[in-house]
Structures are given as C-alpha cells and as structure tokens.
C-alpha atoms as a PDB file:
ATOM      1  CA  MET A   1     222.463  88.593 291.349  1.00  0.00           C
ATOM      2  CA  CYS A   2     225.694  90.544 291.606  1.00  0.00           C
ATOM      3  CA  GLU A   3     226.187  91.571 295.249  1.00  0.00           C
ATOM      4  CA  GLU A   4     228.089  94.721 294.278  1.00  0.00           C
ATOM      5  CA  CYS A   5     225.692  96.355 291.837  1.00  0.00           C
ATOM      6  CA  GLY A   6     222.535  94.216 291.945  1.00  0.00           C
ATOM      7  CA  CYS A   7     222.599  93.416 288.225  1.00  0.00           C
ATOM      8  CA  GLN A   8     221.274  90.163 286.758  1.00  0.00           C
ATOM      9  CA  GLY A   9     224.348  89.443 284.681  1.00  0.00           C
ATOM     10  CA  LYS A  10     226.807  86.566 284.950  1.00  0.00           C
ATOM     11  CA  VAL A  11     228.198  85.977 288.426  1.00  0.00           C
ATOM     12  CA  SER A  12     231.574  84.377 289.183  1.00  0.00           C
ATOM     13  CA  THR A  13     231.536  81.818 291.979  1.00  0.00           C
ATOM     14  CA  LEU A  14     234.219  79.662 293.598  1.00  0.00           C
ATOM     15  CA  SER A  15     233.811  75.919 293.551  1.00  0.00           C
ATOM     16  CA  ALA A  16     235.121  73.577 296.205  1.00  0.00           C
ATOM     17  CA  GLY A  17     238.366  73.267 294.221  1.00  0.00           C
ATOM     18  CA  ASN A  18     238.845  77.061 294.129  1.00  0.00           C
ATOM     19  CA  SER A  19     238.210  77.093 290.401  1.00  0.00           C
ATOM     20  CA  VAL A  20     236.143  79.901 288.977  1.00  0.00           C
ATOM     21  CA  THR A  21     232.900  79.021 287.263  1.00  0.00           C
ATOM     22  CA  GLU A  22     230.342  81.252 285.600  1.00  0.00           C
ATOM     23  CA  THR A  23     226.630  80.968 286.180  1.00  0.00           C
ATOM     24  CA  SER A  24     223.935  82.996 284.519  1.00  0.00           C
ATOM     25  CA  THR A  25     220.451  83.822 285.683  1.00  0.00           C
ATOM     26  CA  PRO A  26     217.772  82.349 283.423  1.00  0.00           C
ATOM     27  CA  SER A  27     215.961  84.972 281.409  1.00  0.00           C
ATOM     28  CA  ALA A  28     212.391  85.756 282.354  1.00  0.00           C
ATOM     29  CA  THR A  29     209.760  83.634 280.651  1.00  0.00           C
ATOM     30  CA  PRO A  30     208.052  85.732 277.953  1.00  0.00           C
ATOM     31  CA  ALA A  31     204.372  86.428 278.490  1.00  0.00           C
ATOM     32  CA  PRO A  32     202.143  84.149 276.418  1.00  0.00           C
ATOM     33  CA  ALA A  33     200.768  85.696 273.272  1.00  0.00           C
ATOM     34  CA  GLN A  34     197.221  86.997 273.539  1.00  0.00           C
ATOM     35  CA  PRO A  35     194.727  84.736 271.710  1.00  0.00           C
ATOM     36  CA  PHE A  36     193.634  85.919 268.286  1.00  0.00           C
ATOM     37  CA  ALA A  37     190.014  86.306 269.403  1.00  0.00           C
ATOM     38  CA  GLU A  38     191.080  88.617 272.235  1.00  0.00           C
ATOM     39  CA  ARG A  39     193.259  90.722 269.948  1.00  0.00           C
ATOM     40  CA  LEU A  40     190.434  90.917 267.426  1.00  0.00           C
ATOM     41  CA  SER A  41     187.979  91.933 270.157  1.00  0.00           C
ATOM     42  CA  ASP A  42     190.345  94.638 271.431  1.00  0.00           C
ATOM     43  CA  SER A  43     190.728  96.127 267.964  1.00  0.00           C
ATOM     44  CA  LEU A  44     187.020  95.943 267.156  1.00  0.00           C
ATOM     45  CA  GLN A  45     185.994  97.484 270.460  1.00  0.00           C
ATOM     46  CA  HIS A  46     188.471 100.319 270.071  1.00  0.00           C
ATOM     47  CA  GLY A  47     187.259 101.036 266.547  1.00  0.00           C
ATOM     48  CA  ILE A  48     183.594 100.971 267.584  1.00  0.00           C
ATOM     49  CA  GLN A  49     184.247 103.265 270.540  1.00  0.00           C
ATOM     50  CA  VAL A  50     185.954 105.768 268.262  1.00  0.00           C
ATOM     51  CA  VAL A  51     183.084 105.734 265.758  1.00  0.00           C
ATOM     52  CA  ILE A  52     180.267 106.122 268.318  1.00  0.00           C
ATOM     53  CA  GLY A  53     182.209 108.606 270.442  1.00  0.00           C
ATOM     54  CA  SER A  54     182.565 106.615 273.652  1.00  0.00           C
ATOM     55  CA  GLN A  55     185.571 108.680 274.707  1.00  0.00           C
ATOM     56  CA  ARG A  56     184.188 112.052 273.701  1.00  0.00           C
ATOM     57  CA  LYS A  57     183.009 114.652 276.160  1.00  0.00           C
ATOM     58  CA  PRO A  58     179.416 114.393 277.410  1.00  0.00           C
ATOM     59  CA  PRO A  59     176.621 114.191 276.483  1.00  0.00           C
ATOM     60  CA  ARG A  60     177.740 111.613 273.829  1.00  0.00           C
ATOM     61  CA  LEU A  61     174.328 111.649 272.166  1.00  0.00           C
ATOM     62  CA  LEU A  62     175.068 109.087 269.434  1.00  0.00           C
ATOM     63  CA  LYS A  63     176.250 106.483 271.935  1.00  0.00           C
ATOM     64  CA  SER A  64     173.292 107.166 274.227  1.00  0.00           C
ATOM     65  CA  LEU A  65     170.908 106.801 271.277  1.00  0.00           C
ATOM     66  CA  LEU A  66     172.409 103.477 270.180  1.00  0.00           C
ATOM     67  CA  ASN A  67     172.404 102.134 273.748  1.00  0.00           C
ATOM     68  CA  GLY A  68     168.771 103.154 274.215  1.00  0.00           C
ATOM     69  CA  THR A  69     169.412 105.612 277.052  1.00  0.00           C
ATOM     70  CA  ILE A  70     167.165 108.211 275.455  1.00  0.00           C
ATOM     71  CA  LEU A  71     164.322 105.645 275.285  1.00  0.00           C
ATOM     72  CA  GLY A  72     164.850 104.347 278.802  1.00  0.00           C
ATOM     73  CA  HIS A  73     165.273 100.774 277.515  1.00  0.00           C
ATOM     74  CA  PRO A  74     168.048  98.903 275.642  1.00  0.00           C
ATOM     75  CA  LEU A  75     167.456  99.454 271.937  1.00  0.00           C
ATOM     76  CA  HIS A  76     169.228  96.385 270.557  1.00  0.00           C
ATOM     77  CA  PRO A  77     166.865  93.648 271.843  1.00  0.00           C
ATOM     78  CA  ALA A  78     163.852  95.581 270.549  1.00  0.00           C
ATOM     79  CA  ILE A  79     165.297  95.790 267.031  1.00  0.00           C
ATOM     80  CA  THR A  80     166.383  92.144 266.927  1.00  0.00           C
ATOM     81  CA  ASP A  81     162.727  91.108 266.878  1.00  0.00           C
ATOM     82  CA  VAL A  82     162.445  92.582 263.371  1.00  0.00           C
ATOM     83  CA  PRO A  83     164.942  90.351 261.488  1.00  0.00           C
ATOM     84  CA  ILE A  84     164.094  87.238 263.506  1.00  0.00           C
ATOM     85  CA  GLY A  85     160.370  87.685 262.910  1.00  0.00           C
ATOM     86  CA  ALA A  86     160.806  88.575 259.237  1.00  0.00           C
ATOM     87  CA  TRP A  87     163.119  85.651 258.513  1.00  0.00           C
ATOM     88  CA  MET A  88     160.841  83.237 260.348  1.00  0.00           C
ATOM     89  CA  LEU A  89     158.050  84.459 258.075  1.00  0.00           C
ATOM     90  CA  THR A  90     160.368  83.975 255.107  1.00  0.00           C
ATOM     91  CA  ALA A  91     160.798  80.333 256.057  1.00  0.00           C
ATOM     92  CA  VAL A  92     157.032  79.879 256.361  1.00  0.00           C
ATOM     93  CA  PHE A  93     156.481  81.386 252.906  1.00  0.00           C
ATOM     94  CA  ASP A  94     159.247  79.221 251.431  1.00  0.00           C
ATOM     95  CA  VAL A  95     157.747  76.050 252.903  1.00  0.00           C
ATOM     96  CA  ILE A  96     154.342  76.965 251.491  1.00  0.00           C
ATOM     97  CA  TRP A  97     155.905  77.603 248.105  1.00  0.00           C
ATOM     98  CA  LEU A  98     157.847  74.325 248.183  1.00  0.00           C
ATOM     99  CA  ILE A  99     154.624  72.395 248.825  1.00  0.00           C
ATOM    100  CA  SER A 100     153.258  73.534 245.464  1.00  0.00           C
ATOM    101  CA  PRO A 101     155.368  76.012 243.478  1.00  0.00           C
ATOM    102  CA  MET A 102     152.757  76.443 240.758  1.00  0.00           C
ATOM    103  CA  SER A 103     149.780  76.942 243.069  1.00  0.00           C
ATOM    104  CA  TYR A 104     151.510  79.119 245.645  1.00  0.00           C
ATOM    105  CA  ALA A 105     153.661  81.450 243.557  1.00  0.00           C
ATOM    106  CA  TRP A 106     152.471  84.317 245.770  1.00  0.00           C
ATOM    107  CA  ALA A 107     154.369  82.752 248.689  1.00  0.00           C
ATOM    108  CA  ALA A 108     157.646  83.197 246.802  1.00  0.00           C
ATOM    109  CA  ARG A 109     156.904  86.923 246.471  1.00  0.00           C
ATOM    110  CA  GLY A 110     155.973  87.123 250.123  1.00  0.00           C
ATOM    111  CA  ALA A 111     159.263  85.481 251.077  1.00  0.00           C
ATOM    112  CA  GLU A 112     161.126  87.993 248.943  1.00  0.00           C
ATOM    113  CA  ILE A 113     159.547  90.946 250.775  1.00  0.00           C
ATOM    114  CA  ALA A 114     160.137  89.338 254.170  1.00  0.00           C
ATOM    115  CA  VAL A 115     163.816  88.806 253.347  1.00  0.00           C
ATOM    116  CA  VAL A 116     164.249  92.502 252.589  1.00  0.00           C
ATOM    117  CA  VAL A 117     162.542  93.559 255.821  1.00  0.00           C
ATOM    118  CA  GLY A 118     164.780  91.167 257.739  1.00  0.00           C
ATOM    119  CA  ILE A 119     167.944  92.491 256.111  1.00  0.00           C
ATOM    120  CA  LEU A 120     167.053  96.093 256.967  1.00  0.00           C
ATOM    121  CA  GLY A 121     166.214  95.124 260.535  1.00  0.00           C
ATOM    122  CA  ALA A 122     169.440  93.148 260.851  1.00  0.00           C
ATOM    123  CA  LEU A 123     171.489  96.179 259.876  1.00  0.00           C
ATOM    124  CA  GLY A 124     169.878  98.218 262.642  1.00  0.00           C
ATOM    125  CA  ALA A 125     170.336  95.378 265.121  1.00  0.00           C
ATOM    126  CA  ALA A 126     174.005  95.088 264.152  1.00  0.00           C
ATOM    127  CA  VAL A 127     174.719  98.772 264.781  1.00  0.00           C
ATOM    128  CA  THR A 128     173.018  98.842 268.181  1.00  0.00           C
ATOM    129  CA  GLY A 129     174.421  95.444 269.156  1.00  0.00           C
ATOM    130  CA  LEU A 130     177.993  96.492 268.388  1.00  0.00           C
ATOM    131  CA  ALA A 131     177.518  99.633 270.469  1.00  0.00           C
ATOM    132  CA  ASP A 132     176.420  97.503 273.438  1.00  0.00           C
ATOM    133  CA  TRP A 133     179.181  94.937 272.876  1.00  0.00           C
ATOM    134  CA  SER A 134     181.886  97.630 272.890  1.00  0.00           C
ATOM    135  CA  ASP A 135     181.394  97.966 276.674  1.00  0.00           C
ATOM    136  CA  THR A 136     181.676  94.251 277.498  1.00  0.00           C
ATOM    137  CA  TYR A 137     184.665  92.312 278.786  1.00  0.00           C
ATOM    138  CA  GLY A 138     185.713  88.810 279.775  1.00  0.00           C
ATOM    139  CA  ALA A 139     183.441  85.857 279.032  1.00  0.00           C
ATOM    140  CA  GLU A 140     180.513  88.008 277.931  1.00  0.00           C
ATOM    141  CA  ARG A 141     182.760  89.698 275.367  1.00  0.00           C
ATOM    142  CA  ARG A 142     183.803  86.335 273.928  1.00  0.00           C
ATOM    143  CA  ILE A 143     180.222  85.118 273.748  1.00  0.00           C
ATOM    144  CA  GLY A 144     179.201  88.416 272.195  1.00  0.00           C
ATOM    145  CA  LEU A 145     181.834  88.069 269.492  1.00  0.00           C
ATOM    146  CA  ASN A 146     180.484  84.633 268.535  1.00  0.00           C
ATOM    147  CA  HIS A 147     176.959  86.058 268.671  1.00  0.00           C
ATOM    148  CA  ALA A 148     177.993  88.735 266.191  1.00  0.00           C
ATOM    149  CA  LEU A 149     179.773  86.277 263.884  1.00  0.00           C
ATOM    150  CA  PHE A 150     176.710  84.034 263.557  1.00  0.00           C
ATOM    151  CA  ASN A 151     174.491  87.070 262.986  1.00  0.00           C
ATOM    152  CA  VAL A 152     176.820  88.282 260.239  1.00  0.00           C
ATOM    153  CA  THR A 153     176.755  84.813 258.703  1.00  0.00           C
ATOM    154  CA  ALA A 154     172.951  84.879 258.700  1.00  0.00           C
ATOM    155  CA  LEU A 155     172.912  88.355 257.165  1.00  0.00           C
ATOM    156  CA  ILE A 156     175.271  87.292 254.357  1.00  0.00           C
ATOM    157  CA  LEU A 157     173.194  84.187 253.638  1.00  0.00           C
ATOM    158  CA  TYR A 158     170.000  86.237 253.401  1.00  0.00           C
ATOM    159  CA  ILE A 159     171.639  88.823 251.165  1.00  0.00           C
ATOM    160  CA  VAL A 160     172.734  85.975 248.864  1.00  0.00           C
ATOM    161  CA  SER A 161     169.217  84.540 249.050  1.00  0.00           C
ATOM    162  CA  PHE A 162     167.678  87.891 248.141  1.00  0.00           C
ATOM    163  CA  VAL A 163     169.997  88.415 245.164  1.00  0.00           C
ATOM    164  CA  MET A 164     169.184  84.947 243.861  1.00  0.00           C
ATOM    165  CA  ARG A 165     165.459  85.609 244.234  1.00  0.00           C
ATOM    166  CA  LEU A 166     165.853  88.750 242.135  1.00  0.00           C
ATOM    167  CA  LEU A 167     167.841  87.019 239.414  1.00  0.00           C
ATOM    168  CA  GLN A 168     165.585  83.987 239.145  1.00  0.00           C
ATOM    169  CA  ALA A 169     161.943  83.495 238.344  1.00  0.00           C
ATOM    170  CA  PRO A 170     159.613  82.879 241.327  1.00  0.00           C
ATOM    171  CA  GLY A 171     159.382  79.193 240.446  1.00  0.00           C
ATOM    172  CA  ASP A 172     163.157  78.687 240.294  1.00  0.00           C
ATOM    173  CA  SER A 173     164.232  79.926 243.757  1.00  0.00           C
ATOM    174  CA  LEU A 174     164.910  76.569 245.434  1.00  0.00           C
ATOM    175  CA  VAL A 175     168.582  77.376 246.133  1.00  0.00           C
ATOM    176  CA  ALA A 176     167.568  80.797 247.457  1.00  0.00           C
ATOM    177  CA  ALA A 177     165.135  79.109 249.848  1.00  0.00           C
ATOM    178  CA  ILE A 178     167.854  76.721 251.040  1.00  0.00           C
ATOM    179  CA  ALA A 179     170.173  79.694 251.694  1.00  0.00           C
ATOM    180  CA  GLY A 180     167.362  81.237 253.712  1.00  0.00           C
ATOM    181  CA  PHE A 181     166.930  78.076 255.802  1.00  0.00           C
ATOM    182  CA  LEU A 182     170.657  78.084 256.553  1.00  0.00           C
ATOM    183  CA  GLY A 183     170.440  81.758 257.486  1.00  0.00           C
ATOM    184  CA  LEU A 184     167.561  81.018 259.855  1.00  0.00           C
ATOM    185  CA  ALA A 185     169.643  78.325 261.564  1.00  0.00           C
ATOM    186  CA  ALA A 186     172.536  80.767 261.985  1.00  0.00           C
ATOM    187  CA  VAL A 187     170.397  83.584 263.398  1.00  0.00           C
ATOM    188  CA  SER A 188     168.627  81.140 265.722  1.00  0.00           C
ATOM    189  CA  TYR A 189     171.939  80.042 267.233  1.00  0.00           C
ATOM    190  CA  ALA A 190     173.004  83.682 267.449  1.00  0.00           C
ATOM    191  CA  ALA A 191     169.788  84.375 269.383  1.00  0.00           C
ATOM    192  CA  TYR A 192     170.673  81.532 271.746  1.00  0.00           C
ATOM    193  CA  LEU A 193     174.070  83.128 272.383  1.00  0.00           C
ATOM    194  CA  GLY A 194     172.365  86.460 272.960  1.00  0.00           C
ATOM    195  CA  GLY A 195     170.226  84.830 275.619  1.00  0.00           C
ATOM    196  CA  GLU A 196     173.354  83.317 277.140  1.00  0.00           C
ATOM    197  CA  MET A 197     174.842  86.790 277.490  1.00  0.00           C
ATOM    198  CA  VAL A 198     171.767  88.241 279.177  1.00  0.00           C
ATOM    199  CA  PHE A 199     170.421  85.404 281.311  1.00  0.00           C
ATOM    200  CA  THR A 200     173.695  83.682 282.214  1.00  0.00           C
ATOM    201  CA  LYS A 201     176.266  86.471 282.173  1.00  0.00           C
ATOM    202  CA  GLY A 202     173.901  89.310 283.128  1.00  0.00           C
ATOM    203  CA  THR A 203     174.851  91.602 280.250  1.00  0.00           C
ATOM    204  CA  ALA A 204     172.684  94.757 280.141  1.00  0.00           C
ATOM    205  CA  VAL A 205     170.672  93.601 283.167  1.00  0.00           C
ATOM    206  CA  ASN A 206     169.742  96.317 285.675  1.00  0.00           C
ATOM    207  CA  HIS A 207     172.213  95.708 288.509  1.00  0.00           C
ATOM    208  CA  THR A 208     170.065  97.609 291.013  1.00  0.00           C
ATOM    209  CA  ALA A 209     166.827  95.719 290.329  1.00  0.00           C
ATOM    210  CA  TRP A 210     167.065  93.487 293.417  1.00  0.00           C
ATOM    211  CA  GLU A 211     168.518  95.965 295.877  1.00  0.00           C
ATOM    212  CA  ALA A 212     166.862  95.830 299.277  1.00  0.00           C
ATOM    213  CA  ALA A 213     165.241  98.818 300.952  1.00  0.00           C
ATOM    214  CA  SER A 214     163.885  99.794 304.339  1.00  0.00           C
ATOM    215  CA  ASP A 215     160.713 101.646 305.263  1.00  0.00           C
ATOM    216  CA  ASP A 216     162.580 103.606 307.926  1.00  0.00           C
ATOM    217  CA  TYR A 217     165.354 106.185 307.814  1.00  0.00           C
ATOM    218  CA  GLU A 218     168.784 104.877 308.720  1.00  0.00           C
ATOM    219  CA  ALA A 219     171.662 106.952 310.112  1.00  0.00           C
ATOM    220  CA  VAL A 220     174.745 106.660 307.914  1.00  0.00           C
ATOM    221  CA  LEU A 221     177.124 109.487 308.847  1.00  0.00           C
ATOM    222  CA  PRO A 222     177.558 112.241 311.446  1.00  0.00           C
ATOM    223  CA  LEU A 223     176.641 115.592 309.921  1.00  0.00           C
ATOM    224  CA  GLU A 224     179.902 117.232 310.978  1.00  0.00           C
ATOM    225  CA  SER A 225     181.960 114.687 308.997  1.00  0.00           C
ATOM    226  CA  VAL A 226     180.235 115.320 305.659  1.00  0.00           C
ATOM    227  CA  GLU A 227     182.155 117.768 303.457  1.00  0.00           C
ATOM    228  CA  GLU A 228     180.664 119.603 300.489  1.00  0.00           C
ATOM    229  CA  ASN A 229     181.084 118.351 296.903  1.00  0.00           C
ATOM    230  CA  LYS A 230     182.581 115.048 297.998  1.00  0.00           C
ATOM    231  CA  LEU A 231     181.141 111.625 297.251  1.00  0.00           C
ATOM    232  CA  TYR A 232     180.638 109.338 300.230  1.00  0.00           C
ATOM    233  CA  ARG A 233     179.934 105.625 300.094  1.00  0.00           C
ATOM    234  CA  VAL A 234     177.514 104.628 302.852  1.00  0.00           C
ATOM    235  CA  ILE A 235     175.387 101.571 303.568  1.00  0.00           C
ATOM    236  CA  ALA A 236     171.606 101.572 304.045  1.00  0.00           C
ATOM    237  CA  ALA A 237     169.644  98.329 304.496  1.00  0.00           C
ATOM    238  CA  GLY A 238     172.788  96.515 303.363  1.00  0.00           C
ATOM    239  CA  VAL A 239     172.887  98.419 300.070  1.00  0.00           C
ATOM    240  CA  PRO A 240     175.792 100.696 299.030  1.00  0.00           C
ATOM    241  CA  VAL A 241     174.652 104.292 298.491  1.00  0.00           C
ATOM    242  CA  VAL A 242     176.579 107.336 297.263  1.00  0.00           C
ATOM    243  CA  LEU A 243     175.922 110.522 299.278  1.00  0.00           C
ATOM    244  CA  LEU A 244     176.613 114.106 298.226  1.00  0.00           C
ATOM    245  CA  ARG A 245     176.328 117.387 300.134  1.00  0.00           C
ATOM    246  CA  GLN A 246     176.032 120.714 298.342  1.00  0.00           C
ATOM    247  CA  GLY A 247     175.399 123.598 300.722  1.00  0.00           C
ATOM    248  CA  LEU A 248     172.370 122.736 302.817  1.00  0.00           C
ATOM    249  CA  GLN A 249     171.168 120.167 300.293  1.00  0.00           C
ATOM    250  CA  PHE A 250     171.915 116.439 300.465  1.00  0.00           C
ATOM    251  CA  TYR A 251     171.488 113.950 297.614  1.00  0.00           C
ATOM    252  CA  ALA A 252     171.811 110.191 297.586  1.00  0.00           C
ATOM    253  CA  ILE A 253     171.432 107.498 294.926  1.00  0.00           C
ATOM    254  CA  SER A 254     172.470 103.869 294.663  1.00  0.00           C
ATOM    255  CA  ALA A 255     176.243 103.538 294.491  1.00  0.00           C
ATOM    256  CA  THR A 256     175.898 100.680 291.991  1.00  0.00           C
ATOM    257  CA  CYS A 257     175.744 101.658 288.328  1.00  0.00           C
ATOM    258  CA  PRO A 258     172.685  99.919 286.806  1.00  0.00           C
ATOM    259  CA  HIS A 259     174.579  99.136 283.606  1.00  0.00           C
ATOM    260  CA  ALA A 260     177.369  96.847 284.824  1.00  0.00           C
ATOM    261  CA  GLY A 261     177.628  97.403 288.572  1.00  0.00           C
ATOM    262  CA  GLY A 262     180.382 100.010 288.574  1.00  0.00           C
ATOM    263  CA  PRO A 263     181.025 101.917 291.853  1.00  0.00           C
ATOM    264  CA  LEU A 264     179.562 105.394 291.354  1.00  0.00           C
ATOM    265  CA  ASP A 265     181.164 106.640 294.559  1.00  0.00           C
ATOM    266  CA  GLU A 266     184.532 106.244 292.819  1.00  0.00           C
ATOM    267  CA  GLY A 267     183.347 108.192 289.792  1.00  0.00           C
ATOM    268  CA  LYS A 268     184.019 111.719 288.640  1.00  0.00           C
ATOM    269  CA  LEU A 269     181.772 114.469 290.009  1.00  0.00           C
ATOM    270  CA  GLU A 270     180.916 117.508 287.881  1.00  0.00           C
ATOM    271  CA  GLY A 271     178.408 119.797 289.543  1.00  0.00           C
ATOM    272  CA  ASN A 272     175.650 117.435 290.627  1.00  0.00           C
ATOM    273  CA  VAL A 273     176.410 114.808 287.974  1.00  0.00           C
ATOM    274  CA  VAL A 274     178.462 111.688 288.719  1.00  0.00           C
ATOM    275  CA  GLU A 275     180.130 109.629 285.977  1.00  0.00           C
ATOM    276  CA  CYS A 276     180.648 105.894 286.382  1.00  0.00           C
ATOM    277  CA  PRO A 277     184.387 105.062 286.329  1.00  0.00           C
ATOM    278  CA  TRP A 278     183.838 101.865 284.329  1.00  0.00           C
ATOM    279  CA  HIS A 279     181.939 102.823 281.163  1.00  0.00           C
ATOM    280  CA  GLY A 280     181.124 106.526 281.523  1.00  0.00           C
ATOM    281  CA  SER A 281     177.401 106.389 282.291  1.00  0.00           C
ATOM    282  CA  ARG A 282     176.363 109.683 283.923  1.00  0.00           C
ATOM    283  CA  PHE A 283     173.674 110.207 286.566  1.00  0.00           C
ATOM    284  CA  CYS A 284     172.134 113.283 288.149  1.00  0.00           C
ATOM    285  CA  MET A 285     172.616 113.117 291.916  1.00  0.00           C
ATOM    286  CA  ARG A 286     169.456 115.145 292.488  1.00  0.00           C
ATOM    287  CA  ASP A 287     167.043 112.549 291.134  1.00  0.00           C
ATOM    288  CA  GLY A 288     169.113 109.574 289.907  1.00  0.00           C
ATOM    289  CA  ARG A 289     168.205 110.263 286.289  1.00  0.00           C
ATOM    290  CA  VAL A 290     170.535 108.656 283.741  1.00  0.00           C
ATOM    291  CA  LEU A 291     171.957 111.294 281.383  1.00  0.00           C
ATOM    292  CA  THR A 292     174.470 109.368 279.268  1.00  0.00           C
ATOM    293  CA  GLY A 293     174.755 105.737 278.199  1.00  0.00           C
ATOM    294  CA  PRO A 294     175.510 102.896 278.169  1.00  0.00           C
ATOM    295  CA  ALA A 295     173.155 102.750 281.178  1.00  0.00           C
ATOM    296  CA  THR A 296     169.475 102.920 280.205  1.00  0.00           C
ATOM    297  CA  VAL A 297     167.664 103.027 283.561  1.00  0.00           C
ATOM    298  CA  ASN A 298     167.771 105.566 286.368  1.00  0.00           C
ATOM    299  CA  ALA A 299     169.690 104.933 289.570  1.00  0.00           C
ATOM    300  CA  PRO A 300     167.471 104.341 292.629  1.00  0.00           C
ATOM    301  CA  ARG A 301     167.054 107.537 294.615  1.00  0.00           C
ATOM    302  CA  TYR A 302     167.237 108.000 298.389  1.00  0.00           C
ATOM    303  CA  ASP A 303     165.605 110.633 300.546  1.00  0.00           C
ATOM    304  CA  VAL A 304     167.960 112.379 302.980  1.00  0.00           C
ATOM    305  CA  GLN A 305     167.210 114.064 306.289  1.00  0.00           C
ATOM    306  CA  VAL A 306     169.325 115.397 309.153  1.00  0.00           C
ATOM    307  CA  ARG A 307     168.248 114.524 312.681  1.00  0.00           C
ATOM    308  CA  ASN A 308     170.126 114.754 315.989  1.00  0.00           C
ATOM    309  CA  GLY A 309     173.350 115.564 314.192  1.00  0.00           C
ATOM    310  CA  GLN A 310     173.123 112.463 311.980  1.00  0.00           C
ATOM    311  CA  VAL A 311     172.570 112.159 308.243  1.00  0.00           C
ATOM    312  CA  GLU A 312     169.806 109.656 307.645  1.00  0.00           C
ATOM    313  CA  ILE A 313     168.640 108.135 304.349  1.00  0.00           C
ATOM    314  CA  LYS A 314     165.750 106.009 303.104  1.00  0.00           C
ATOM    315  CA  ARG A 315     165.109 104.631 299.632  1.00  0.00           C
ATOM    316  CA  MET A 316     162.361 106.337 297.672  1.00  0.00           C
ATOM    317  CA  GLY A 317     159.855 104.760 295.278  1.00  0.00           C
ATOM    318  CA  ASP A 318     159.029 101.111 294.638  1.00  0.00           C
ATOM    319  CA  HIS A 319     161.517  98.364 295.362  1.00  0.00           C
END
C-alpha cells in the first residue's frame, strides 16, 4: 500500500543495491460463481413471490390461502394425497389389466379415470407446494427443488400416459401403462424427498409445539420499565416471549414464529399486530391468532398480570 495516499497501486521500493524495483499488490480473488441450482432457485422463488403477492401489503389473501393459513393447516400435504392415491390406483388397475387384457378391459378404463384425477390433483399440489417452497432457504430449498423436479417428471409422464390411452384402444395401452409405472416411481421418490424436508429439515413444522410452560406466573420485567407500543423480549420457563403494553392492557405471545422460528420481537408492530421479520407472517398480540401466512397455526398466548410492581406472565392453554 502506498504510504502517502493509501492506494493499492504499484509501490516503488529500494533494494539492498539501491536499485528501484516495482512491486504490485495481487488483485483480490473473485468470488466463486453461484451454482446453477442456487441461481435457478433464486429466480424461481422471486417469480413465485411476485405471482402470489408475498411482498404485497397485508392481508395477502392469495398467499395465505395457498399456504393453508385460512384453514389452520398446511394445504399442500393434504392435496398431495390426491395424486399419490389416484396414481397408485392407476397402477393397480394397470396390473389387473395386464394379467388378462381381454377379460379385464374395465380395468383399463378405470386406470384412465384415475390418471385424470391424479393429474388434476397434481396441479393443485404443485401450486400450493411452490407457494410453500418460495419461503425456504439453504438445504431445505435444495431438497425442495429436487422434490419439485421429480414431481414435474411424474406429472409429464402421466400426461403422456393419458394422451396415449386416449389415442389407443383399451387393449393396446401397454406403453401407456409403462409410462404410468415410471411416473409412479418418480412421484414416490418425490414423496420421499418431501418427507426429508419435513421430518429431517423441519420444513413447515410448528416451531412452538415443544415449548415448555409453567403452571405459575413468573416475573419478567418491572412495570416502570415497560413502555407503550414497544415489543419486549422476555423469558418465561426458559421460553422466549414477546410482551406488549398498550395503555393499561398487556399482551404476550411466544416470540418464536411457528412457521420457521423467526424472532417476532424483532418484527414490525402495527396496532396490535406483529409481523415476523423473516417471511411476513402476522399475528394478533391480543390472542396470538395468525392473520397472514406462511404460518398456519396460532402463536401460543400468555396471560399477563401486574403484581408488586412486576409484570408477570404465564402460558395459557394446553402445552
């Protein structure tokens, strides 16, 4: 570095023989290029978020509907049962038909109907699944991308199978049945990856489900230190809780967002509604009710009382 101006340019130095030599500072190593899968995921997530209105102002009804917030349960896993069940039935019908094509021609027709039901269910599962995936990151996002790719592969194979069943006579649908078997293998592996996301990575699992609770009130803050319309992070029974004072009323809910564990105490407060800083889920501080997805379950609620100049809280309901 040049001692006169601090620049990183060439610097003249004197050697032992008083000759002038030039040295240059090596240029910074360029950052490695982002893997294609990560770039693809970034673009897809951005596009999905634009379509479903993830960045729009509340209440973001379309996003909440696709996430299942309105139903109080994730919508995607409920819909996935439709294509998996229908395509399993398709395979059963195809096996029956293959045993005796002439005697069991009705099985070929049954398989055709089951394929259609599965395709329609898969489209619904794809829409809801992409909405859920748009809020993932890291390893769960990578697994989710592979999950989606195998599901798309299965959907394409079953569409091809259905078209072939329409174009051929019931007794000539052997290739269509084979396409269906391949589709079933693809959707089965996709289901395995879906389980990996939920049971290994904890995607869409209620992050407050195992929070501890006490049967007694616990003092968390002196009353005089609690300002109005300010979120406070306190600890009760070892669990982080967000506390709010509005006039003479106090409200408290779990500080952990049920969706992905975001810190609600760091969120944005509008009236008595707090918005998670991670994915925008919104909760009513009065009763913990979830108002906007991607969260689908309410935040645990705490009862608040003031005694001897101390604010005390205790978790309400089952735990």
